[in-house]
Amino acid sequence: MDNAKNKLLLLNLINEKTGELTILGKLCTCFNKYSPMISRMLFAAYYYDVVPECIIIAVMLNSGNSLMDWFIKPPKTSNKN
């Protein structure tokens, strides 16, 4: 429980004194399919004007596949007729 709370504090999603959601925390709840870290990344992406790139990263991280699966070359197939 403390580990989860610390992560939310570091992401500035909850108030340290009251434990309630911050405005940013309330906005991140709109992205309930994604983890708080990914939803926070998407809001930061808007600020830094890199939304398309971060959406690609978010999809890759949330796909359930290993990150290495995205970079492995498929095996060569022979064209035997």
PDB file of N, CA and C in Angstrom:
ATOM      1  N   MET A   1       0.824  -1.196   0.000  1.00  0.00           N
ATOM      2  CA  MET A   1       0.000   0.000   0.000  1.00  0.00           C
ATOM      3  C   MET A   1       0.866   1.257   0.000  1.00  0.00           C
ATOM      4  N   ASP A   2       1.906   1.258   0.823  1.00  0.00           N
ATOM      5  CA  ASP A   2       2.781   2.430   0.884  1.00  0.00           C
ATOM      6  C   ASP A   2       3.512   2.642  -0.429  1.00  0.00           C
ATOM      7  N   ASN A   3       3.892   1.556  -1.092  1.00  0.00           N
ATOM      8  CA  ASN A   3       4.588   1.665  -2.368  1.00  0.00           C
ATOM      9  C   ASN A   3       3.692   2.326  -3.410  1.00  0.00           C
ATOM     10  N   ALA A   4       2.427   1.932  -3.472  1.00  0.00           N
ATOM     11  CA  ALA A   4       1.485   2.522  -4.431  1.00  0.00           C
ATOM     12  C   ALA A   4       1.265   3.996  -4.108  1.00  0.00           C
ATOM     13  N   LYS A   5       1.130   4.308  -2.833  1.00  0.00           N
ATOM     14  CA  LYS A   5       0.918   5.699  -2.435  1.00  0.00           C
ATOM     15  C   LYS A   5       2.133   6.545  -2.782  1.00  0.00           C
ATOM     16  N   ASN A   6       3.325   6.004  -2.569  1.00  0.00           N
ATOM     17  CA  ASN A   6       4.543   6.739  -2.910  1.00  0.00           C
ATOM     18  C   ASN A   6       4.635   7.010  -4.402  1.00  0.00           C
ATOM     19  N   LYS A   7       4.242   6.040  -5.220  1.00  0.00           N
ATOM     20  CA  LYS A   7       4.254   6.252  -6.670  1.00  0.00           C
ATOM     21  C   LYS A   7       3.299   7.369  -7.066  1.00  0.00           C
ATOM     22  N   LEU A   8       2.108   7.358  -6.472  1.00  0.00           N
ATOM     23  CA  LEU A   8       1.134   8.413  -6.785  1.00  0.00           C
ATOM     24  C   LEU A   8       1.619   9.778  -6.309  1.00  0.00           C
ATOM     25  N   LEU A   9       2.306   9.806  -5.175  1.00  0.00           N
ATOM     26  CA  LEU A   9       2.879  11.067  -4.689  1.00  0.00           C
ATOM     27  C   LEU A   9       3.961  11.574  -5.634  1.00  0.00           C
ATOM     28  N   LEU A  10       4.830  10.687  -6.082  1.00  0.00           N
ATOM     29  CA  LEU A  10       5.910  11.081  -6.990  1.00  0.00           C
ATOM     30  C   LEU A  10       5.371  11.591  -8.323  1.00  0.00           C
ATOM     31  N   LEU A  11       4.255  11.040  -8.752  1.00  0.00           N
ATOM     32  CA  LEU A  11       3.635  11.472 -10.009  1.00  0.00           C
ATOM     33  C   LEU A  11       2.774  12.718  -9.832  1.00  0.00           C
ATOM     34  N   ASN A  12       2.673  13.209  -8.597  1.00  0.00           N
ATOM     35  CA  ASN A  12       1.855  14.370  -8.255  1.00  0.00           C
ATOM     36  C   ASN A  12       0.377  14.129  -8.564  1.00  0.00           C
ATOM     37  N   LEU A  13      -0.083  12.918  -8.298  1.00  0.00           N
ATOM     38  CA  LEU A  13      -1.476  12.570  -8.556  1.00  0.00           C
ATOM     39  C   LEU A  13      -2.330  12.619  -7.297  1.00  0.00           C
ATOM     40  N   ILE A  14      -1.681  12.593  -6.117  1.00  0.00           N
ATOM     41  CA  ILE A  14      -2.427  12.753  -4.869  1.00  0.00           C
ATOM     42  C   ILE A  14      -1.732  13.810  -4.012  1.00  0.00           C
ATOM     43  N   ASN A  15      -2.518  14.448  -3.173  1.00  0.00           N
ATOM     44  CA  ASN A  15      -2.016  15.465  -2.260  1.00  0.00           C
ATOM     45  C   ASN A  15      -1.307  14.787  -1.098  1.00  0.00           C
ATOM     46  N   GLU A  16      -0.130  15.247  -0.767  1.00  0.00           N
ATOM     47  CA  GLU A  16       0.660  14.615   0.295  1.00  0.00           C
ATOM     48  C   GLU A  16       0.002  14.758   1.666  1.00  0.00           C
ATOM     49  N   LYS A  17      -0.637  15.888   1.917  1.00  0.00           N
ATOM     50  CA  LYS A  17      -1.223  16.138   3.247  1.00  0.00           C
ATOM     51  C   LYS A  17      -2.564  15.445   3.426  1.00  0.00           C
ATOM     52  N   THR A  18      -3.421  15.539   2.409  1.00  0.00           N
ATOM     53  CA  THR A  18      -4.783  15.014   2.560  1.00  0.00           C
ATOM     54  C   THR A  18      -4.962  13.625   1.961  1.00  0.00           C
ATOM     55  N   GLY A  19      -4.107  13.256   1.016  1.00  0.00           N
ATOM     56  CA  GLY A  19      -4.251  11.965   0.348  1.00  0.00           C
ATOM     57  C   GLY A  19      -5.324  11.962  -0.725  1.00  0.00           C
ATOM     58  N   GLU A  20      -5.925  13.120  -0.989  1.00  0.00           N
ATOM     59  CA  GLU A  20      -6.947  13.221  -2.029  1.00  0.00           C
ATOM     60  C   GLU A  20      -6.295  13.415  -3.392  1.00  0.00           C
ATOM     61  N   LEU A  21      -7.054  13.101  -4.433  1.00  0.00           N
ATOM     62  CA  LEU A  21      -6.554  13.282  -5.788  1.00  0.00           C
ATOM     63  C   LEU A  21      -6.327  14.757  -6.087  1.00  0.00           C
ATOM     64  N   THR A  22      -5.240  15.040  -6.773  1.00  0.00           N
ATOM     65  CA  THR A  22      -5.007  16.388  -7.268  1.00  0.00           C
ATOM     66  C   THR A  22      -5.811  16.563  -8.549  1.00  0.00           C
ATOM     67  N   ILE A  23      -5.791  17.763  -9.094  1.00  0.00           N
ATOM     68  CA  ILE A  23      -6.489  17.999 -10.364  1.00  0.00           C
ATOM     69  C   ILE A  23      -5.902  17.089 -11.441  1.00  0.00           C
ATOM     70  N   LEU A  24      -4.585  16.991 -11.467  1.00  0.00           N
ATOM     71  CA  LEU A  24      -3.933  16.097 -12.428  1.00  0.00           C
ATOM     72  C   LEU A  24      -4.331  14.643 -12.178  1.00  0.00           C
ATOM     73  N   GLY A  25      -4.449  14.266 -10.919  1.00  0.00           N
ATOM     74  CA  GLY A  25      -4.886  12.907 -10.580  1.00  0.00           C
ATOM     75  C   GLY A  25      -6.287  12.623 -11.082  1.00  0.00           C
ATOM     76  N   LYS A  26      -7.177  13.594 -10.955  1.00  0.00           N
ATOM     77  CA  LYS A  26      -8.545  13.428 -11.461  1.00  0.00           C
ATOM     78  C   LYS A  26      -8.561  13.299 -12.977  1.00  0.00           C
ATOM     79  N   LEU A  27      -7.704  14.068 -13.648  1.00  0.00           N
ATOM     80  CA  LEU A  27      -7.618  13.963 -15.104  1.00  0.00           C
ATOM     81  C   LEU A  27      -7.085  12.596 -15.529  1.00  0.00           C
ATOM     82  N   CYS A  28      -6.117  12.079 -14.781  1.00  0.00           N
ATOM     83  CA  CYS A  28      -5.525  10.784 -15.119  1.00  0.00           C
ATOM     84  C   CYS A  28      -6.513   9.634 -14.950  1.00  0.00           C
ATOM     85  N   THR A  29      -7.527   9.808 -14.115  1.00  0.00           N
ATOM     86  CA  THR A  29      -8.522   8.749 -13.964  1.00  0.00           C
ATOM     87  C   THR A  29      -9.345   8.560 -15.225  1.00  0.00           C
ATOM     88  N   CYS A  30      -9.338   9.545 -16.114  1.00  0.00           N
ATOM     89  CA  CYS A  30     -10.033   9.398 -17.408  1.00  0.00           C
ATOM     90  C   CYS A  30      -9.370   8.329 -18.268  1.00  0.00           C
ATOM     91  N   PHE A  31      -8.093   8.075 -18.034  1.00  0.00           N
ATOM     92  CA  PHE A  31      -7.347   7.060 -18.769  1.00  0.00           C
ATOM     93  C   PHE A  31      -7.295   5.780 -17.952  1.00  0.00           C
ATOM     94  N   ASN A  32      -8.434   5.294 -17.519  1.00  0.00           N
ATOM     95  CA  ASN A  32      -8.473   4.154 -16.596  1.00  0.00           C
ATOM     96  C   ASN A  32      -7.942   2.866 -17.196  1.00  0.00           C
ATOM     97  N   LYS A  33      -7.804   2.803 -18.510  1.00  0.00           N
ATOM     98  CA  LYS A  33      -7.243   1.602 -19.130  1.00  0.00           C
ATOM     99  C   LYS A  33      -5.728   1.526 -18.901  1.00  0.00           C
ATOM    100  N   TYR A  34      -5.115   2.669 -18.709  1.00  0.00           N
ATOM    101  CA  TYR A  34      -3.664   2.736 -18.569  1.00  0.00           C
ATOM    102  C   TYR A  34      -3.267   2.916 -17.105  1.00  0.00           C
ATOM    103  N   SER A  35      -2.042   2.581 -16.807  1.00  0.00           N
ATOM    104  CA  SER A  35      -1.524   2.767 -15.453  1.00  0.00           C
ATOM    105  C   SER A  35      -1.367   4.264 -15.185  1.00  0.00           C
ATOM    106  N   PRO A  36      -1.283   4.650 -13.925  1.00  0.00           N
ATOM    107  CA  PRO A  36      -1.081   6.072 -13.611  1.00  0.00           C
ATOM    108  C   PRO A  36       0.191   6.637 -14.240  1.00  0.00           C
ATOM    109  N   MET A  37       1.224   5.825 -14.339  1.00  0.00           N
ATOM    110  CA  MET A  37       2.475   6.310 -14.938  1.00  0.00           C
ATOM    111  C   MET A  37       2.299   6.635 -16.417  1.00  0.00           C
ATOM    112  N   ILE A  38       1.569   5.789 -17.120  1.00  0.00           N
ATOM    113  CA  ILE A  38       1.358   6.026 -18.549  1.00  0.00           C
ATOM    114  C   ILE A  38       0.432   7.213 -18.769  1.00  0.00           C
ATOM    115  N   SER A  39      -0.633   7.315 -17.975  1.00  0.00           N
ATOM    116  CA  SER A  39      -1.540   8.450 -18.151  1.00  0.00           C
ATOM    117  C   SER A  39      -0.828   9.761 -17.816  1.00  0.00           C
ATOM    118  N   ARG A  40       0.034   9.745 -16.829  1.00  0.00           N
ATOM    119  CA  ARG A  40       0.824  10.947 -16.495  1.00  0.00           C
ATOM    120  C   ARG A  40       1.770  11.286 -17.637  1.00  0.00           C
ATOM    121  N   MET A  41       2.350  10.278 -18.261  1.00  0.00           N
ATOM    122  CA  MET A  41       3.228  10.498 -19.406  1.00  0.00           C
ATOM    123  C   MET A  41       2.475  11.175 -20.542  1.00  0.00           C
ATOM    124  N   LEU A  42       1.219  10.768 -20.757  1.00  0.00           N
ATOM    125  CA  LEU A  42       0.434  11.344 -21.843  1.00  0.00           C
ATOM    126  C   LEU A  42       0.122  12.815 -21.596  1.00  0.00           C
ATOM    127  N   PHE A  43      -0.118  13.192 -20.352  1.00  0.00           N
ATOM    128  CA  PHE A  43      -0.341  14.606 -20.054  1.00  0.00           C
ATOM    129  C   PHE A  43       0.943  15.405 -20.207  1.00  0.00           C
ATOM    130  N   ALA A  44       2.068  14.841 -19.792  1.00  0.00           N
ATOM    131  CA  ALA A  44       3.346  15.512 -19.981  1.00  0.00           C
ATOM    132  C   ALA A  44       3.674  15.627 -21.465  1.00  0.00           C
ATOM    133  N   ALA A  45       3.264  14.643 -22.246  1.00  0.00           N
ATOM    134  CA  ALA A  45       3.508  14.672 -23.688  1.00  0.00           C
ATOM    135  C   ALA A  45       2.820  15.864 -24.331  1.00  0.00           C
ATOM    136  N   TYR A  46       1.634  16.181 -23.864  1.00  0.00           N
ATOM    137  CA  TYR A  46       0.926  17.347 -24.397  1.00  0.00           C
ATOM    138  C   TYR A  46       1.719  18.618 -24.099  1.00  0.00           C
ATOM    139  N   TYR A  47       2.230  18.715 -22.895  1.00  0.00           N
ATOM    140  CA  TYR A  47       3.005  19.895 -22.495  1.00  0.00           C
ATOM    141  C   TYR A  47       4.263  20.037 -23.341  1.00  0.00           C
ATOM    142  N   TYR A  48       4.930  18.930 -23.643  1.00  0.00           N
ATOM    143  CA  TYR A  48       6.169  18.966 -24.406  1.00  0.00           C
ATOM    144  C   TYR A  48       5.956  18.793 -25.914  1.00  0.00           C
ATOM    145  N   ASP A  49       4.694  18.718 -26.355  1.00  0.00           N
ATOM    146  CA  ASP A  49       4.329  18.609 -27.766  1.00  0.00           C
ATOM    147  C   ASP A  49       4.922  17.353 -28.429  1.00  0.00           C
ATOM    148  N   VAL A  50       4.809  16.226 -27.737  1.00  0.00           N
ATOM    149  CA  VAL A  50       5.277  14.950 -28.282  1.00  0.00           C
ATOM    150  C   VAL A  50       4.190  13.874 -28.135  1.00  0.00           C
ATOM    151  N   VAL A  51       2.939  14.277 -28.302  1.00  0.00           N
ATOM    152  CA  VAL A  51       1.820  13.362 -28.074  1.00  0.00           C
ATOM    153  C   VAL A  51       1.867  12.138 -28.985  1.00  0.00           C
ATOM    154  N   PRO A  52       2.061  12.281 -30.301  1.00  0.00           N
ATOM    155  CA  PRO A  52       2.059  11.072 -31.152  1.00  0.00           C
ATOM    156  C   PRO A  52       3.103  10.038 -30.740  1.00  0.00           C
ATOM    157  N   GLU A  53       4.292  10.499 -30.393  1.00  0.00           N
ATOM    158  CA  GLU A  53       5.350   9.581 -29.992  1.00  0.00           C
ATOM    159  C   GLU A  53       5.003   8.860 -28.691  1.00  0.00           C
ATOM    160  N   CYS A  54       4.433   9.595 -27.753  1.00  0.00           N
ATOM    161  CA  CYS A  54       4.090   8.986 -26.463  1.00  0.00           C
ATOM    162  C   CYS A  54       2.897   8.054 -26.564  1.00  0.00           C
ATOM    163  N   ILE A  55       1.999   8.321 -27.486  1.00  0.00           N
ATOM    164  CA  ILE A  55       0.883   7.388 -27.698  1.00  0.00           C
ATOM    165  C   ILE A  55       1.415   6.055 -28.197  1.00  0.00           C
ATOM    166  N   ILE A  56       2.379   6.096 -29.092  1.00  0.00           N
ATOM    167  CA  ILE A  56       2.990   4.858 -29.591  1.00  0.00           C
ATOM    168  C   ILE A  56       3.658   4.103 -28.442  1.00  0.00           C
ATOM    169  N   ILE A  57       4.393   4.819 -27.597  1.00  0.00           N
ATOM    170  CA  ILE A  57       5.052   4.186 -26.453  1.00  0.00           C
ATOM    171  C   ILE A  57       4.019   3.599 -25.504  1.00  0.00           C
ATOM    172  N   ALA A  58       2.936   4.341 -25.243  1.00  0.00           N
ATOM    173  CA  ALA A  58       1.887   3.860 -24.334  1.00  0.00           C
ATOM    174  C   ALA A  58       1.245   2.578 -24.858  1.00  0.00           C
ATOM    175  N   VAL A  59       0.982   2.523 -26.150  1.00  0.00           N
ATOM    176  CA  VAL A  59       0.383   1.316 -26.736  1.00  0.00           C
ATOM    177  C   VAL A  59       1.343   0.148 -26.639  1.00  0.00           C
ATOM    178  N   MET A  60       2.616   0.402 -26.907  1.00  0.00           N
ATOM    179  CA  MET A  60       3.602  -0.669 -26.826  1.00  0.00           C
ATOM    180  C   MET A  60       3.713  -1.213 -25.403  1.00  0.00           C
ATOM    181  N   LEU A  61       3.735  -0.320 -24.423  1.00  0.00           N
ATOM    182  CA  LEU A  61       3.876  -0.751 -23.033  1.00  0.00           C
ATOM    183  C   LEU A  61       2.622  -1.437 -22.513  1.00  0.00           C
ATOM    184  N   ASN A  62       1.476  -1.067 -23.059  1.00  0.00           N
ATOM    185  CA  ASN A  62       0.206  -1.594 -22.565  1.00  0.00           C
ATOM    186  C   ASN A  62      -0.289  -2.796 -23.371  1.00  0.00           C
ATOM    187  N   SER A  63       0.463  -3.219 -24.373  1.00  0.00           N
ATOM    188  CA  SER A  63      -0.001  -4.282 -25.266  1.00  0.00           C
ATOM    189  C   SER A  63       0.017  -5.663 -24.613  1.00  0.00           C
ATOM    190  N   GLY A  64       0.774  -5.826 -23.568  1.00  0.00           N
ATOM    191  CA  GLY A  64       0.872  -7.134 -22.924  1.00  0.00           C
ATOM    192  C   GLY A  64       2.011  -7.964 -23.467  1.00  0.00           C
ATOM    193  N   ASN A  65       2.554  -7.581 -24.591  1.00  0.00           N
ATOM    194  CA  ASN A  65       3.714  -8.275 -25.149  1.00  0.00           C
ATOM    195  C   ASN A  65       4.974  -7.789 -24.446  1.00  0.00           C
ATOM    196  N   SER A  66       5.984  -8.587 -24.531  1.00  0.00           N
ATOM    197  CA  SER A  66       7.279  -8.162 -24.033  1.00  0.00           C
ATOM    198  C   SER A  66       7.780  -7.029 -24.923  1.00  0.00           C
ATOM    199  N   LEU A  67       8.464  -6.080 -24.330  1.00  0.00           N
ATOM    200  CA  LEU A  67       8.988  -4.968 -25.114  1.00  0.00           C
ATOM    201  C   LEU A  67       9.947  -5.463 -26.191  1.00  0.00           C
ATOM    202  N   MET A  68      10.661  -6.545 -25.900  1.00  0.00           N
ATOM    203  CA  MET A  68      11.596  -7.081 -26.896  1.00  0.00           C
ATOM    204  C   MET A  68      10.871  -7.666 -28.110  1.00  0.00           C
ATOM    205  N   ASP A  69       9.620  -8.089 -27.944  1.00  0.00           N
ATOM    206  CA  ASP A  69       8.862  -8.633 -29.071  1.00  0.00           C
ATOM    207  C   ASP A  69       8.676  -7.605 -30.186  1.00  0.00           C
ATOM    208  N   TRP A  70       8.711  -6.334 -29.836  1.00  0.00           N
ATOM    209  CA  TRP A  70       8.531  -5.288 -30.839  1.00  0.00           C
ATOM    210  C   TRP A  70       9.777  -5.112 -31.699  1.00  0.00           C
ATOM    211  N   PHE A  71      10.923  -5.606 -31.243  1.00  0.00           N
ATOM    212  CA  PHE A  71      12.170  -5.360 -31.946  1.00  0.00           C
ATOM    213  C   PHE A  71      12.813  -6.617 -32.520  1.00  0.00           C
ATOM    214  N   ILE A  72      12.171  -7.753 -32.388  1.00  0.00           N
ATOM    215  CA  ILE A  72      12.711  -8.999 -32.923  1.00  0.00           C
ATOM    216  C   ILE A  72      12.304  -9.127 -34.389  1.00  0.00           C
ATOM    217  N   LYS A  73      13.280  -9.463 -35.222  1.00  0.00           N
ATOM    218  CA  LYS A  73      12.980  -9.665 -36.637  1.00  0.00           C
ATOM    219  C   LYS A  73      12.242 -10.988 -36.813  1.00  0.00           C
ATOM    220  N   PRO A  74      11.220 -10.996 -37.658  1.00  0.00           N
ATOM    221  CA  PRO A  74      10.533 -12.270 -37.905  1.00  0.00           C
ATOM    222  C   PRO A  74      11.453 -13.216 -38.662  1.00  0.00           C
ATOM    223  N   PRO A  75      11.260 -14.516 -38.508  1.00  0.00           N
ATOM    224  CA  PRO A  75      12.111 -15.478 -39.217  1.00  0.00           C
ATOM    225  C   PRO A  75      11.899 -15.363 -40.725  1.00  0.00           C
ATOM    226  N   LYS A  76      12.971 -15.627 -41.465  1.00  0.00           N
ATOM    227  CA  LYS A  76      12.873 -15.582 -42.917  1.00  0.00           C
ATOM    228  C   LYS A  76      12.053 -16.764 -43.412  1.00  0.00           C
ATOM    229  N   THR A  77      11.213 -16.496 -44.385  1.00  0.00           N
ATOM    230  CA  THR A  77      10.444 -17.574 -44.985  1.00  0.00           C
ATOM    231  C   THR A  77      10.973 -17.836 -46.379  1.00  0.00           C
ATOM    232  N   SER A  78      10.972 -19.088 -46.748  1.00  0.00           N
ATOM    233  CA  SER A  78      11.444 -19.424 -48.088  1.00  0.00           C
ATOM    234  C   SER A  78      10.276 -19.360 -49.060  1.00  0.00           C
ATOM    235  N   ASN A  79      10.567 -18.985 -50.263  1.00  0.00           N
ATOM    236  CA  ASN A  79       9.536 -18.854 -51.307  1.00  0.00           C
ATOM    237  C   ASN A  79       9.551 -20.085 -52.205  1.00  0.00           C
ATOM    238  N   LYS A  80       9.294 -21.243 -51.651  1.00  0.00           N
ATOM    239  CA  LYS A  80       9.250 -22.460 -52.433  1.00  0.00           C
ATOM    240  C   LYS A  80       7.846 -22.628 -52.999  1.00  0.00           C
ATOM    241  N   ASN A  81       7.765 -22.890 -54.263  1.00  0.00           N
ATOM    242  CA  ASN A  81       6.457 -23.081 -54.902  1.00  0.00           C
ATOM    243  C   ASN A  81       6.166 -24.505 -55.137  1.00  0.00           C
TER     244      ASN A  81
END
